[in-house]
Protein backbone atom coordinates (compact mmCIF):
# COMPACT_ATOMS: atom_id res chain seq x y z
CA UNK A 1 0.00 0.00 0.00
CA UNK A 2 1.49 3.41 -0.97
CA UNK A 3 2.38 5.84 1.79
CA UNK A 4 0.01 8.74 2.23
CA UNK A 5 1.48 12.14 1.35
CA UNK A 6 2.86 14.17 4.21
CA UNK A 7 0.83 17.11 5.43
CA UNK A 8 2.41 20.55 5.52
CA UNK A 9 2.45 20.35 9.33
CA UNK A 10 4.36 17.05 9.20
CA UNK A 11 6.87 18.52 6.74
CA UNK A 12 7.35 21.62 8.89
CA UNK A 13 7.82 19.53 12.05
CA UNK A 14 10.57 17.55 10.34
CA UNK A 15 12.22 20.73 9.05
CA UNK A 16 12.27 22.07 12.61
CA UNK A 17 13.86 18.81 13.82
CA UNK A 18 16.49 19.12 11.08
CA UNK A 19 17.27 22.69 12.14
CA UNK A 20 17.64 21.52 15.75
CA UNK A 21 19.94 18.72 14.58
CA UNK A 22 22.02 21.23 12.63
CA UNK A 23 22.31 23.45 15.69
CA UNK A 24 23.50 20.47 17.74
CA UNK A 25 26.18 19.79 15.12
CA UNK A 26 27.30 23.41 15.24
CA UNK A 27 27.48 23.40 19.04
CA UNK A 28 29.73 20.32 18.87
CA UNK A 29 31.89 21.86 16.15
CA UNK A 30 30.89 19.27 13.53
CA UNK A 31 30.25 19.95 9.86
CA UNK A 32 26.67 20.69 8.88
CA UNK A 33 26.14 18.35 5.94
CA UNK A 34 23.05 16.54 4.70
CA UNK A 35 24.58 13.28 5.88
CA UNK A 36 25.44 14.60 9.36
CA UNK A 37 22.05 16.24 9.88
CA UNK A 38 20.32 13.02 8.79
CA UNK A 39 22.52 10.95 11.11
CA UNK A 40 21.73 13.28 14.01
CA UNK A 41 18.00 12.80 13.30
CA UNK A 42 18.26 9.03 12.83
CA UNK A 43 17.20 9.31 9.18
CA UNK A 44 18.71 8.62 5.81
CA UNK A 45 20.48 11.41 3.95
CA UNK A 46 18.27 10.89 0.90
CA UNK A 47 15.17 11.21 3.08
CA UNK A 48 16.03 14.83 3.92
CA UNK A 49 15.57 15.83 0.30
CA UNK A 50 11.82 15.53 0.93
CA UNK A 51 12.14 18.52 3.24
CA UNK A 52 15.07 20.49 1.81
CA UNK A 53 16.21 20.94 -1.79
CA UNK A 54 19.83 20.58 -0.73
CA UNK A 55 22.63 21.62 1.59
CA UNK A 56 22.21 25.34 0.88
CA UNK A 57 18.57 25.25 1.92
CA UNK A 58 19.51 23.69 5.27
CA UNK A 59 22.21 26.35 5.74
CA UNK A 60 19.68 29.07 4.90
CA UNK A 61 17.19 27.58 7.39
CA UNK A 62 19.85 27.52 10.14
CA UNK A 63 20.86 31.10 9.39
CA UNK A 64 17.23 32.22 9.34
CA UNK A 65 16.53 30.47 12.62
CA UNK A 66 19.50 32.10 14.31
CA UNK A 67 18.58 35.52 12.99
CA UNK A 68 14.95 35.14 14.03
CA UNK A 69 15.81 33.88 17.51
CA UNK A 70 18.78 36.23 17.95
CA UNK A 71 20.79 33.21 19.01
CA UNK A 72 23.83 34.27 21.00
CA UNK A 73 25.92 31.09 20.86
CA UNK A 74 29.60 31.79 20.21
CA UNK A 75 29.92 28.40 18.50
CA UNK A 76 27.09 29.28 16.15
CA UNK A 77 28.52 32.66 15.15
CA UNK A 78 31.98 31.15 14.62
CA UNK A 79 30.38 28.61 12.26
CA UNK A 80 28.16 31.22 10.63
CA UNK A 81 30.89 33.62 9.67
CA UNK A 82 33.15 30.78 8.52
CA UNK A 83 30.35 29.29 6.37
CA UNK A 84 28.03 32.01 5.13
CA UNK A 85 29.45 34.37 2.48
CA UNK A 86 29.42 37.99 3.59
CA UNK A 87 27.17 38.80 0.61
CA UNK A 88 24.49 36.30 1.69
CA UNK A 89 21.18 38.10 2.43
CA UNK A 90 21.07 36.74 5.99
CA UNK A 91 24.66 37.89 6.65
CA UNK A 92 23.79 41.32 5.27
CA UNK A 93 20.76 41.50 7.58
CA UNK A 94 22.90 40.61 10.61
CA UNK A 95 25.48 43.22 9.68
CA UNK A 96 22.74 45.80 9.14
CA UNK A 97 20.90 45.02 12.39
CA UNK A 98 24.04 44.34 14.46
CA UNK A 99 22.61 41.13 15.93
CA UNK A 100 25.86 39.15 15.97
CA UNK A 101 27.58 38.88 19.32
CA UNK A 102 30.18 41.51 20.04
């Protein structure tokens, strides 16, 4: 019997879990890759492509989460500025608003 399609709420719940997994990786100083995020969630790497188009979309989601929550984790900001190009819209917003830790 075919699986029923996921609802938007189910997709969003999994995206939130993936963001949390990515944040855990950052806090431990590990690379944020599709494979590592999937491993952290106990899922297959290919399964994450149901929720994200690719690595860049996960990175964008992590950056957006941090900006929205004004996360003040030194580990996060170290990762962010080592990973996100200065021209990235989220980086530009942080620079403009001064929300990165001093």
